[in-house]
Amino acid sequence: MVGIIMFIVALFALLLGFPVAFTFGGIALLFGVWAEGPEIFAFMPFRIMSIMQNTVLMAVPLFVFMGLVLQKTRLAEQLLESMGKLFGSVRGGLAISTVLVGSLLAASTGVVGASVVAMGLISLPVMMKYQYSKGLATGTICASGTLGQIIPPSIVLILLGDVLGIPVGDLFQAAVWPGLALVLAYIVYIVIYSWLNPEATQPMERDPDQSRRQEVITALKAVLPPLALIIVVLGSIFAGIATPTESAALGGMGAVLLSVVYRQFSWRMLYDSAFETVKVTAMVFGILLGATAFSMAFTYTGGDYLVEEWMLALPGEEWTFLILTMLIILVLGFFIDFVEICFIVVPILAPIADAMGINMLWFAILIAMNLQTSFLTPPFGFSLFYLKGVAPDGISTRDIYKGVMPFITIQILILASVLIFPGFYGL
């Protein structure tokens, strides 16, 4: 029971606000030395060296850098402005354009916080101006901003691929259809909502000085450069021309070139992007090192065997295991970030799933979609806090919580469809 107690203590320490990496590493040190002695960590240097030489994980800082450079090129602003003019003249058009822009930002930047904040600053005031329902406006922005968790190139999928031993390219390909299904489901919901509540989704006034043709051309100019980057990055992976790490490097270079195209390039921008990349990468790898020590102590104290025996003894075998696993990850996602879940929880569950003969690619997509849902779920969904931080004074926390509920329902329904009908998504 030492491993189970260690896990509970770690969660309690995280809830108290202790730093994640030091919490996992410190608790592993205390419990590991107490249970097995200092020799339990004899192989820790080799684990650290293995992490440092992992070429798959090299894609993480490269994709983060690509996203940060694109974030600083006014990409989101130009996309939202042009798409808003293109779809805004129909009821619910602003919300639909927000979903489409969110999916493009997810596929080009993959930074959830940046996407939510950008759309919250630009799109939310416009929707409020045209008397959109507060719930629909805030829910659409939060849901669209979290698409970066599932739509490739997703940092979550890269981490899951490393933990589960699945090629990242295969994960990217497998995630495309569930991600598109979510986008389509959001748009269908907005259309139905607009039809049932026409007063809550007022159309946007068209610019009399700009023809429809000019609006389309402006929208294409904003969409085509990031779309070309997405096609190059993901296409090179899917075609087998480049590894995810190589395509991530290509994406970083492409993002810098786009900053030149948008006339936003400066050495200061490049420095800031690189500096933020180092901070994010240090956070991810710091957590990974702490999680490695934690998993060693958890395994050597027999915690993994206890969990495996309990899971394998459940009635209903793999279906009970999958449903219980999804519930556990969903609840844990309220309190801890996806990085900790990927490095601490998934390695405990993966051997059990493998022993049950579960398709690990399918299992990984289910986890990724579940983690996306946890980003939205009150009261601790990260996207809710991002939006609240930039929302106008008239938007309350209650409005945001109420607004995301339909989108959480949609996500759970799509997650259930992936669970029940994996063949429909090519899994």
Protein backbone atom coordinates (compact mmCIF):
# COMPACT_ATOMS: atom_id res chain seq x y z
CA MET A 1 0.00 0.00 0.00
CA VAL A 2 3.04 2.32 0.18
CA GLY A 3 2.70 3.26 -3.51
CA ILE A 4 -1.01 4.07 -3.16
CA ILE A 5 -0.38 6.21 -0.06
CA MET A 6 2.43 7.97 -1.94
CA PHE A 7 0.06 8.77 -4.83
CA ILE A 8 -2.61 10.19 -2.47
CA VAL A 9 -0.03 12.31 -0.62
CA ALA A 10 1.24 13.68 -3.96
CA LEU A 11 -2.28 14.69 -5.05
CA PHE A 12 -2.90 16.34 -1.68
CA ALA A 13 0.38 18.29 -1.92
CA LEU A 14 -0.57 19.47 -5.44
CA LEU A 15 -3.93 20.70 -4.16
CA LEU A 16 -2.07 22.73 -1.52
CA GLY A 17 -0.19 24.47 -4.33
CA PHE A 18 3.28 22.91 -4.13
CA PRO A 19 5.30 22.96 -7.41
CA VAL A 20 4.55 19.86 -9.47
CA ALA A 21 8.07 18.72 -10.38
CA PHE A 22 9.41 19.15 -6.82
CA THR A 23 6.31 17.53 -5.33
CA PHE A 24 6.65 14.33 -7.35
CA GLY A 25 10.43 14.20 -7.00
CA GLY A 26 10.43 15.02 -3.27
CA ILE A 27 7.67 12.56 -2.33
CA ALA A 28 9.34 9.85 -4.42
CA LEU A 29 12.61 10.47 -2.56
CA LEU A 30 10.99 10.34 0.88
CA PHE A 31 8.83 7.27 0.31
CA GLY A 32 11.40 5.46 -1.87
CA VAL A 33 14.24 5.78 0.65
CA TRP A 34 11.89 4.91 3.52
CA ALA A 35 10.52 1.80 1.80
CA GLU A 36 13.50 0.45 -0.15
CA GLY A 37 16.59 2.48 0.79
CA PRO A 38 18.78 4.84 -1.28
CA GLU A 39 19.68 2.09 -3.78
CA ILE A 40 16.19 2.39 -5.25
CA PHE A 41 17.43 5.38 -7.27
CA ALA A 42 20.68 3.74 -8.49
CA PHE A 43 19.42 3.73 -12.08
CA MET A 44 18.03 7.29 -12.00
CA PRO A 45 21.03 8.80 -13.89
CA PHE A 46 20.44 6.31 -16.73
CA ARG A 47 16.76 7.27 -16.84
CA ILE A 48 17.70 10.95 -17.06
CA MET A 49 20.19 10.24 -19.84
CA SER A 50 17.53 8.28 -21.73
CA ILE A 51 15.16 11.25 -21.51
CA MET A 52 17.85 13.64 -22.73
CA GLN A 53 18.56 11.42 -25.76
CA ASN A 54 14.89 10.91 -26.67
CA THR A 55 14.45 12.29 -30.19
CA VAL A 56 10.64 12.11 -30.01
CA LEU A 57 10.54 14.55 -27.09
CA MET A 58 12.68 16.98 -29.09
CA ALA A 59 9.50 17.78 -31.04
CA VAL A 60 7.97 19.39 -27.94
CA PRO A 61 10.14 22.55 -27.78
CA LEU A 62 10.11 22.84 -31.58
CA PHE A 63 6.31 22.79 -31.83
CA VAL A 64 6.04 25.14 -28.83
CA PHE A 65 8.42 27.55 -30.58
CA MET A 66 6.35 27.34 -33.78
CA GLY A 67 3.19 28.15 -31.85
CA LEU A 68 4.72 31.07 -29.98
CA VAL A 69 6.12 32.67 -33.13
CA LEU A 70 2.73 32.40 -34.85
CA GLN A 71 1.04 33.80 -31.76
CA LYS A 72 3.16 36.96 -32.01
CA THR A 73 2.51 37.54 -35.74
CA ARG A 74 -1.10 38.77 -35.28
CA LEU A 75 -2.21 35.53 -36.93
CA ALA A 76 -5.22 35.11 -34.62
CA GLU A 77 -6.32 38.71 -35.05
CA GLN A 78 -6.20 38.62 -38.84
CA LEU A 79 -7.95 35.26 -38.99
CA LEU A 80 -10.75 36.33 -36.64
CA GLU A 81 -11.30 39.68 -38.37
CA SER A 82 -11.46 38.24 -41.88
CA MET A 83 -13.47 35.14 -40.97
CA GLY A 84 -15.84 37.26 -38.88
CA LYS A 85 -16.58 39.46 -41.93
CA LEU A 86 -17.01 36.37 -44.10
CA PHE A 87 -19.53 34.55 -41.86
CA GLY A 88 -20.76 37.38 -39.63
CA SER A 89 -23.66 38.39 -41.88
CA VAL A 90 -25.57 35.21 -41.00
CA ARG A 91 -27.06 34.37 -37.61
CA GLY A 92 -24.46 32.65 -35.45
CA GLY A 93 -21.79 33.47 -38.04
CA LEU A 94 -19.42 35.05 -35.53
CA ALA A 95 -19.56 31.93 -33.34
CA ILE A 96 -19.03 29.68 -36.38
CA SER A 97 -16.03 31.76 -37.49
CA THR A 98 -14.62 31.48 -33.94
CA VAL A 99 -14.83 27.66 -34.14
CA LEU A 100 -13.14 27.62 -37.56
CA VAL A 101 -10.40 29.99 -36.41
CA GLY A 102 -9.96 27.92 -33.23
CA SER A 103 -9.42 24.78 -35.30
CA LEU A 104 -6.88 26.57 -37.52
CA LEU A 105 -5.05 27.96 -34.49
CA ALA A 106 -5.07 24.48 -32.93
CA ALA A 107 -3.48 22.98 -36.02
CA SER A 108 -0.93 25.78 -36.41
CA THR A 109 -0.06 26.82 -32.84
CA GLY A 110 -1.41 24.15 -30.49
CA VAL A 111 -1.13 26.55 -27.51
CA VAL A 112 -4.47 26.37 -25.67
CA GLY A 113 -3.96 29.37 -23.40
CA ALA A 114 -2.84 31.62 -26.26
CA SER A 115 -5.82 30.60 -28.43
CA VAL A 116 -8.40 31.23 -25.69
CA VAL A 117 -6.87 34.57 -24.70
CA ALA A 118 -6.58 35.77 -28.32
CA MET A 119 -10.18 34.90 -29.16
CA GLY A 120 -11.37 36.27 -25.82
CA LEU A 121 -9.75 39.64 -26.51
CA ILE A 122 -10.81 39.91 -30.16
CA SER A 123 -13.96 37.86 -30.73
CA LEU A 124 -15.82 38.21 -27.42
CA PRO A 125 -16.28 42.05 -27.55
CA VAL A 126 -17.59 41.80 -31.12
CA MET A 127 -20.10 39.07 -30.17
CA MET A 128 -21.24 41.15 -27.19
CA LYS A 129 -21.67 44.17 -29.49
CA TYR A 130 -24.08 42.19 -31.65
CA GLN A 131 -26.02 40.98 -28.58
CA TYR A 132 -24.89 37.37 -28.66
CA SER A 133 -25.90 35.22 -25.72
CA LYS A 134 -23.12 35.46 -23.11
CA GLY A 135 -23.24 31.70 -22.62
CA LEU A 136 -22.91 30.90 -26.33
CA ALA A 137 -20.11 33.45 -26.82
CA THR A 138 -18.00 32.31 -23.86
CA GLY A 139 -18.68 28.62 -24.40
CA THR A 140 -17.70 28.82 -28.07
CA ILE A 141 -14.41 30.56 -27.27
CA CYS A 142 -13.44 28.14 -24.50
CA ALA A 143 -14.36 25.05 -26.54
CA SER A 144 -12.62 26.31 -29.70
CA GLY A 145 -9.49 27.23 -27.77
CA THR A 146 -9.10 23.71 -26.36
CA LEU A 147 -9.12 22.05 -29.79
CA GLY A 148 -5.31 22.25 -29.63
CA GLN A 149 -5.40 19.29 -27.23
CA ILE A 150 -6.62 16.87 -29.91
CA ILE A 151 -5.99 18.43 -33.36
CA PRO A 152 -2.40 17.71 -34.53
CA PRO A 153 0.28 18.79 -33.98
CA SER A 154 -0.73 18.44 -30.33
CA ILE A 155 1.80 18.43 -27.48
CA VAL A 156 -0.52 16.00 -25.63
CA LEU A 157 -0.25 13.49 -28.48
CA ILE A 158 3.55 13.78 -28.57
CA LEU A 159 3.79 13.07 -24.83
CA LEU A 160 1.29 10.21 -25.04
CA GLY A 161 3.17 8.71 -27.98
CA ASP A 162 6.38 8.69 -25.95
CA VAL A 163 4.76 7.25 -22.83
CA LEU A 164 2.77 4.55 -24.66
CA GLY A 165 5.48 3.71 -27.19
CA ILE A 166 3.31 4.64 -30.20
CA PRO A 167 4.73 6.44 -33.27
CA VAL A 168 3.69 10.09 -33.03
CA GLY A 169 2.88 10.19 -36.74
CA ASP A 170 0.32 7.39 -36.26
CA LEU A 171 -1.22 9.31 -33.36
CA PHE A 172 -1.46 12.49 -35.43
CA GLN A 173 -3.22 10.61 -38.24
CA ALA A 174 -5.59 8.89 -35.80
CA ALA A 175 -6.54 12.20 -34.14
CA VAL A 176 -7.57 13.99 -37.34
CA TRP A 177 -11.08 12.51 -37.68
CA PRO A 178 -12.11 12.80 -33.99
CA GLY A 179 -10.85 16.42 -34.06
CA LEU A 180 -12.85 17.23 -37.20
CA ALA A 181 -15.90 15.51 -35.69
CA LEU A 182 -15.67 17.88 -32.72
CA VAL A 183 -15.42 20.93 -34.98
CA LEU A 184 -18.42 19.78 -37.03
CA ALA A 185 -20.45 19.02 -33.88
CA TYR A 186 -19.73 22.51 -32.48
CA ILE A 187 -20.87 24.15 -35.72
CA VAL A 188 -24.06 22.03 -35.87
CA TYR A 189 -24.87 23.01 -32.28
CA ILE A 190 -24.34 26.73 -33.05
CA VAL A 191 -26.57 26.51 -36.15
CA ILE A 192 -29.35 24.79 -34.18
CA TYR A 193 -29.01 27.25 -31.29
CA SER A 194 -29.15 30.21 -33.69
CA TRP A 195 -32.28 28.78 -35.35
CA LEU A 196 -34.01 28.27 -32.00
CA ASN A 197 -32.79 31.57 -30.48
CA PRO A 198 -32.52 34.11 -33.32
CA GLU A 199 -32.49 37.05 -30.90
CA ALA A 200 -29.35 35.70 -29.20
CA THR A 201 -27.23 35.51 -32.37
CA GLN A 202 -27.64 38.77 -34.26
CA PRO A 203 -25.99 38.98 -37.71
CA MET A 204 -23.05 41.32 -38.16
CA GLU A 205 -23.42 44.45 -40.30
CA ARG A 206 -21.54 44.20 -43.57
CA ASP A 207 -19.01 46.83 -44.60
CA PRO A 208 -20.66 48.80 -47.45
CA ASP A 209 -17.25 49.78 -48.84
CA GLN A 210 -16.19 46.14 -49.32
CA SER A 211 -17.79 43.73 -51.78
CA ARG A 212 -18.36 40.04 -51.08
CA ARG A 213 -15.54 39.20 -53.45
CA GLN A 214 -13.14 41.44 -51.51
CA GLU A 215 -14.20 39.81 -48.22
CA VAL A 216 -13.46 36.35 -49.64
CA ILE A 217 -10.07 37.46 -50.97
CA THR A 218 -9.16 39.04 -47.60
CA ALA A 219 -10.20 35.87 -45.79
CA LEU A 220 -8.14 33.69 -48.14
CA LYS A 221 -5.08 35.90 -47.62
CA ALA A 222 -5.41 35.39 -43.86
CA VAL A 223 -6.16 31.65 -44.04
CA LEU A 224 -3.85 30.37 -46.79
CA PRO A 225 -0.40 31.05 -45.19
CA PRO A 226 -1.11 29.22 -41.89
CA LEU A 227 -3.02 26.53 -43.82
CA ALA A 228 0.01 26.01 -46.07
CA LEU A 229 2.20 25.64 -42.98
CA ILE A 230 -0.20 23.05 -41.53
CA ILE A 231 -0.20 21.08 -44.78
CA VAL A 232 3.60 21.14 -44.97
CA VAL A 233 4.10 20.10 -41.33
CA LEU A 234 1.42 17.40 -41.10
CA GLY A 235 1.71 16.35 -44.75
CA SER A 236 5.42 15.62 -44.38
CA ILE A 237 4.62 13.37 -41.40
CA PHE A 238 1.66 11.58 -42.99
CA ALA A 239 3.54 11.03 -46.26
CA GLY A 240 6.49 9.54 -44.37
CA ILE A 241 8.87 12.18 -45.72
CA ALA A 242 9.87 13.49 -42.28
CA THR A 243 9.70 12.38 -38.67
CA PRO A 244 7.59 14.45 -36.24
CA THR A 245 10.78 16.00 -34.87
CA GLU A 246 12.00 16.95 -38.33
CA SER A 247 8.61 18.34 -39.32
CA ALA A 248 8.51 20.32 -36.05
CA ALA A 249 11.83 21.94 -37.01
CA LEU A 250 10.35 22.66 -40.44
CA GLY A 251 7.30 24.19 -38.75
CA GLY A 252 9.48 26.44 -36.59
CA MET A 253 11.28 27.73 -39.67
CA GLY A 254 7.96 28.14 -41.49
CA ALA A 255 6.56 30.16 -38.59
CA VAL A 256 9.54 32.52 -38.74
CA LEU A 257 9.00 32.92 -42.50
CA LEU A 258 5.31 33.68 -41.88
CA SER A 259 6.32 36.37 -39.40
CA VAL A 260 8.29 37.94 -42.25
CA VAL A 261 5.26 37.64 -44.58
CA TYR A 262 3.01 39.31 -41.98
CA ARG A 263 5.73 41.97 -41.45
CA GLN A 264 5.88 41.12 -37.77
CA PHE A 265 9.43 39.80 -37.64
CA SER A 266 11.88 41.37 -35.25
CA TRP A 267 14.83 40.08 -33.30
CA ARG A 268 12.98 40.95 -30.12
CA MET A 269 10.04 38.79 -31.19
CA LEU A 270 12.43 35.93 -31.97
CA TYR A 271 14.16 36.30 -28.60
CA ASP A 272 10.85 36.42 -26.69
CA SER A 273 9.57 33.33 -28.52
CA ALA A 274 12.79 31.42 -27.81
CA PHE A 275 12.78 32.52 -24.17
CA GLU A 276 9.15 31.43 -23.65
CA THR A 277 9.95 28.13 -25.38
CA VAL A 278 12.78 27.47 -22.94
CA LYS A 279 10.48 28.22 -19.99
CA VAL A 280 7.75 25.87 -21.22
CA THR A 281 10.26 23.15 -22.13
CA ALA A 282 11.99 23.43 -18.75
CA MET A 283 8.60 23.06 -17.05
CA VAL A 284 7.69 19.97 -19.10
CA PHE A 285 11.04 18.25 -18.63
CA GLY A 286 11.22 19.23 -14.95
CA ILE A 287 7.89 17.51 -14.43
CA LEU A 288 9.13 14.55 -16.48
CA LEU A 289 12.19 14.10 -14.25
CA GLY A 290 10.07 14.32 -11.10
CA ALA A 291 7.54 11.91 -12.61
CA THR A 292 10.34 9.48 -13.54
CA ALA A 293 11.52 9.36 -9.92
CA PHE A 294 7.92 9.01 -8.76
CA SER A 295 7.16 6.14 -11.14
CA MET A 296 10.35 4.32 -10.07
CA ALA A 297 9.37 4.56 -6.39
CA PHE A 298 5.75 3.65 -7.18
CA THR A 299 6.82 0.57 -9.16
CA TYR A 300 9.47 -0.66 -6.71
CA THR A 301 7.06 -0.41 -3.77
CA GLY A 302 4.55 -2.61 -5.63
CA GLY A 303 1.92 0.05 -6.28
CA ASP A 304 1.60 -0.87 -9.96
CA TYR A 305 0.90 -4.54 -9.18
CA LEU A 306 -1.79 -3.57 -6.66
CA VAL A 307 -3.54 -1.32 -9.21
CA GLU A 308 -3.22 -3.96 -11.94
CA GLU A 309 -4.65 -6.75 -9.77
CA TRP A 310 -7.58 -4.55 -8.75
CA MET A 311 -8.30 -3.43 -12.32
CA LEU A 312 -8.06 -6.95 -13.78
CA ALA A 313 -10.46 -8.25 -11.11
CA LEU A 314 -13.20 -5.80 -12.13
CA PRO A 315 -16.31 -7.29 -13.77
CA GLY A 316 -16.84 -6.44 -17.42
CA GLU A 317 -13.11 -6.61 -18.17
CA GLU A 318 -11.92 -4.03 -20.72
CA TRP A 319 -15.18 -2.04 -20.92
CA THR A 320 -15.29 -1.49 -17.17
CA PHE A 321 -11.59 -0.66 -17.23
CA LEU A 322 -12.00 1.87 -20.06
CA ILE A 323 -15.02 3.60 -18.49
CA LEU A 324 -13.35 3.73 -15.06
CA THR A 325 -10.10 4.98 -16.61
CA MET A 326 -11.92 7.77 -18.46
CA LEU A 327 -13.70 8.83 -15.25
CA ILE A 328 -10.42 8.84 -13.27
CA ILE A 329 -8.60 10.92 -15.90
CA LEU A 330 -11.57 13.31 -16.20
CA VAL A 331 -11.64 13.92 -12.43
CA LEU A 332 -7.85 14.24 -12.15
CA GLY A 333 -7.94 16.70 -15.04
CA PHE A 334 -9.90 19.11 -12.81
CA PHE A 335 -6.94 19.44 -10.46
CA ILE A 336 -3.69 18.67 -12.32
CA ASP A 337 -2.33 19.51 -15.76
CA PHE A 338 -2.16 17.12 -18.73
CA VAL A 339 1.64 16.83 -18.40
CA GLU A 340 1.38 15.25 -14.94
CA ILE A 341 -1.42 12.94 -16.09
CA CYS A 342 0.65 11.81 -19.09
CA PHE A 343 3.76 11.07 -17.03
CA ILE A 344 2.21 9.76 -13.78
CA VAL A 345 -1.24 8.28 -14.41
CA VAL A 346 -0.91 6.92 -17.96
CA PRO A 347 2.22 4.78 -17.24
CA ILE A 348 0.24 3.08 -14.43
CA LEU A 349 -2.75 2.35 -16.66
CA ALA A 350 -0.90 1.49 -19.90
CA PRO A 351 0.38 -2.00 -18.84
CA ILE A 352 -3.14 -2.94 -17.72
CA ALA A 353 -4.62 -1.85 -21.06
CA ASP A 354 -1.90 -3.78 -22.88
CA ALA A 355 -2.56 -6.91 -20.76
CA MET A 356 -6.26 -6.68 -21.70
CA GLY A 357 -5.39 -6.55 -25.40
CA ILE A 358 -6.72 -3.00 -25.89
CA ASN A 359 -5.57 -1.18 -29.03
CA MET A 360 -3.07 1.35 -27.63
CA LEU A 361 -3.65 3.82 -30.47
CA TRP A 362 -7.36 3.88 -29.65
CA PHE A 363 -6.53 4.13 -25.94
CA ALA A 364 -4.27 7.15 -26.55
CA ILE A 365 -6.93 9.02 -28.57
CA LEU A 366 -9.51 8.39 -25.83
CA ILE A 367 -7.12 9.82 -23.22
CA ALA A 368 -6.33 12.88 -25.37
CA MET A 369 -10.01 13.66 -25.92
CA ASN A 370 -10.69 13.16 -22.22
CA LEU A 371 -7.91 15.58 -21.28
CA GLN A 372 -9.46 18.13 -23.64
CA THR A 373 -12.78 17.77 -21.82
CA SER A 374 -11.08 18.37 -18.47
CA PHE A 375 -9.77 21.72 -19.78
CA LEU A 376 -13.39 22.89 -20.04
CA THR A 377 -15.04 21.33 -17.01
CA PRO A 378 -15.92 23.62 -14.05
CA PRO A 379 -14.80 24.54 -11.51
CA PHE A 380 -11.10 24.04 -12.34
CA GLY A 381 -11.01 23.97 -16.16
CA PHE A 382 -7.92 25.91 -17.28
CA SER A 383 -9.66 27.42 -20.32
CA LEU A 384 -12.31 28.95 -18.06
CA PHE A 385 -9.64 30.80 -16.08
CA TYR A 386 -7.87 31.95 -19.27
CA LEU A 387 -11.09 33.49 -20.60
CA LYS A 388 -12.16 35.00 -17.27
CA GLY A 389 -8.80 36.78 -17.09
CA VAL A 390 -9.50 38.74 -20.30
CA ALA A 391 -13.31 38.88 -20.32
CA PRO A 392 -15.09 42.29 -20.07
CA ASP A 393 -16.66 43.32 -16.76
CA GLY A 394 -20.13 42.26 -17.88
CA ILE A 395 -19.09 38.60 -18.19
CA SER A 396 -19.35 36.69 -14.91
CA THR A 397 -17.82 33.34 -13.96
CA ARG A 398 -21.36 31.96 -13.87
CA ASP A 399 -21.87 33.00 -17.53
CA ILE A 400 -18.70 31.13 -18.54
CA TYR A 401 -19.60 28.00 -16.54
CA LYS A 402 -23.11 27.98 -17.99
CA GLY A 403 -21.83 28.57 -21.52
CA VAL A 404 -19.40 25.64 -21.61
CA MET A 405 -21.94 23.04 -20.43
CA PRO A 406 -23.40 22.29 -23.92
CA PHE A 407 -19.88 21.99 -25.34
CA ILE A 408 -18.82 19.63 -22.54
CA THR A 409 -21.88 17.51 -23.40
CA ILE A 410 -20.82 17.51 -27.07
CA GLN A 411 -17.28 16.48 -26.15
CA ILE A 412 -18.52 13.64 -23.94
CA LEU A 413 -20.84 12.44 -26.75
CA ILE A 414 -17.99 12.47 -29.29
CA LEU A 415 -15.74 10.72 -26.74
CA ALA A 416 -18.45 8.08 -26.22
CA SER A 417 -18.78 7.62 -29.99
CA VAL A 418 -15.00 7.07 -30.29
CA LEU A 419 -15.24 4.58 -27.42
CA ILE A 420 -18.20 2.65 -28.87
CA PHE A 421 -17.55 3.01 -32.62
CA PRO A 422 -13.74 3.22 -33.05
CA GLY A 423 -13.98 1.78 -36.57
CA PHE A 424 -15.99 4.81 -37.69
CA TYR A 425 -12.92 6.97 -36.94
CA GLY A 426 -10.48 4.51 -38.48
CA LEU A 427 -9.18 3.31 -35.09
